Structure formats: structure tokens, C-alpha cells
Amino acid sequence: MAKRKGLLALLLTTVLLAGSVIPLQAGELEDAINKQKELQKKEEQARSQLNKLTYTADKLQGQIKDLATQISVAKNTLDSTQVAYNQAAEAVSLSEQELEEREEELANRQIVLRQRVREIYEAGQVSYLEIIFEAEDLSDFITRLEYFNRLVTNDQKILTDISIERAKIEEETKLLQVRRDEAAQLKVAAEQAKATLDGKKREHQVALNSNKKAQEDIFEQIERMEADSNDIADKIRKLTANSDVVHGTISTYPLPGYKEVSSSYGWRIHPITKKKSLHTGTDLPAPTGTKVLAAGNGEVIMASWYGAYGNAVIVDHGGGYTTLYGHNSKLAVKVGDKVKAGDVVSYVGSTGWSTGPHLHFEVRLKGETTDPLQFFR
């Protein structure tokens, strides 16, 4: 009797423990799924912010490129105005030098003329008789007097010619000075325009650098969230690894006719974050809308937005095996659906963290990633 009571107590305890394990596991799975959803929301918010920053960065880069073109044009304009100013300044300098030479020549001629007139005047006032007496005859006297008069007349003509030439050069110098001053104004305007553009480019570059720093901060946040998300995903897979799904082999290639691999399983530089990270699956490029097939028999345990994976489907094949199909444009199944190998589960897209339409295909064993293509060799 005592033995029966002991056996009954042991059986009751076992039943109670078994009953408590199932709710515990179910509650733990529910908590993990809820945490996953919270992380997905945060990732989406971060990605939305990142998209805005990326748009702003692209816009700033375009503006910087335009400013660089404008600066190049402004520099050419400045160079041209500098050349024009230098030429005008040199022309003014030469003209002023020529004018100075003409004024000096005129002054010298005036001195010579005054001296000669003075000498003739003095000769006329003082020694006309000397000219008469020195002359051999009247004809010689007239010749001597006419010579002096012609000399004075010639000097006066030279003086007039020099005065006219000086006035002409002076006028040309004034015109050249006007052109030089205009060239100087254009040069100053070109310098100011280039300085303004240089300032704008510096401001845009500072804004772009700040933008890139903000992007890097968000990348770090997303990487942390993605790591947390992957940990939770592993936990979900492990919790469902001992499901009662009939174990089916993974033998059906999910994208018949599309064998190209754009990114293999393993470590790589992430195309978006530009950081080294483990690529947990294989990327298979295909046109948007291409049918994605279940790799084996199983049950759909997730069919929704899945953070960086975008629209994703996870199928539990039993025996610890799960497959994931990510970045889909549309889903063809829902949670709880039973699928057979070759059934359509989704359609290729470029949702989530994606740089183009493709299928991200994963195979995990008890939550641990493995190379998906090994099942199709």
C-alpha cells in the first residue's frame, strides 16, 4: 500500500512538472516573439532615420558637386579677370611712361626754344648792326636773318607736334586707366564670388561630415539591435526545434532557374553598414515577383516583417531544422500553415536591408547557421 502511494505521488509529480514545462516554454517563446517585434519596430525607426540621413547626404553630395563645378567656373573667371587686369595695368603703365617721356621731351624743347628766342631777341636788340656789318652784303644779311626766323618757326612746329602727341597720349592713358579700374572691379567681384562659393562648400562639407557621423551612430545602433534580434531569433528557433513537425529533408532548391549567388554564406563586408559581419545565409538574385519555393516539408512558424530581413518566412522542418526566406515583396503563407517541398511560400523582393531584388535563404540546425547550398550539391 505504501509502495502504491509512493508510486502515485511520483506519477502525480511528474505530471505536474510536465504540465509546468509546457506553459513555461510557451510563455518563454511568446516573450521572445514579443521582444523580437519590439526590436523590429526600433530597427524600422532607426532605418527610417537612416533613410532620411542618406537622402540628405546624397543631396549634400550633389550640392557639393555643383558647388565644385561653380567654383571651377569662378576660378576660371577669376583667372581671366586677373589676366585682363594685369594687361590693363601694364598698358596703363606703358602709356604713363610714354606720356612722361613726351612731357620731358616737350619741356626740353621748350627750354631750347626759349633759349633760342632769347638769343635772337638779344641779337635783334643789341647787335642788328653787327649782323649788317658782318654780312658781306644785303643778301647775306637777309639770309642770316631768315635762317634765325626759320629756326624759331621749326622749333615752334616741333613744340606744337609734341603738345598734340602728348594730349593724345594723355587721353589714351585716361581711357586705359578706366579699363584698368573696370578690370580691377571685375577681379574683386570674381574674388568675392569664389570666396562665397568656397564658404558654402565648406559649410556643406561640415554638414555632410556631421551627417556621416550620425549615420555611423545609427549603424552601430542597428548592428546592436540586429545582434540582439539574431540572438532572439536563435532562441525562437531553439524553442521550436523540438516541435512535433514531421521531419522532412531539405532538398528542394527555393529558386529554380536562378543559380547565381551574389553573396555567399560566411564572413563579408556588409553592403549597407560597410562593416565585417557574418552573412548567415546565401543571396540569390532574381526578378521581383519570382516564386520562392519551400525547401522541404514543414510548418510556417513566422510570416511577417522581420527587421533587416524585411518580409520573411520561417519554416520549421522538424529535427531542429528551419529555413528562412527573406526580403520578399509578398508572402504566400501564414503562421501555422503546413507546407510541402516545392510549395510557394513567398515572392522575391527587396524589402528590409536590401540593395536589390534577391532571396536571402538561410538554413539553421537548432538555431545555428549553416551553409544552405550544401544541401543542393
Foldseek 3Di string as FASTA:
>chain_A
DVVVVVVVVVVVVVVVVVVVVVVVLVVVLVVLVVVQVVLQVVLVVLVVVLVVLVVLLVVLVVVLVVLVVVLVVLVVLLVVLVVQLVVLVVVLVVLVVVLVVLVVVLVVLVVVLVVLVVVVVCCVVPPLVVLCVVAPHPVSSVVVNVVSVVVNVVSVVVSVVSVVVSVVSVVVSVVSVVSSVVSVVSSVVSVVVSVVSVVVSVVSVVVSVVSVVVSLVSLVVSVVSVVVSLVSVLVSLLSCQAPPAAAKAQAAQFAPPFPDWPDFFAWDQDPPNRHIDGQLETKTADDWFGFTWDRAWFFWADAQQRAQQGGKTWTHNYNQKIKMKGQFPFADDHGGDTDGTGDGGTTWHHGHNGDTTIIGMWMGGSSHTDGSCVSHD
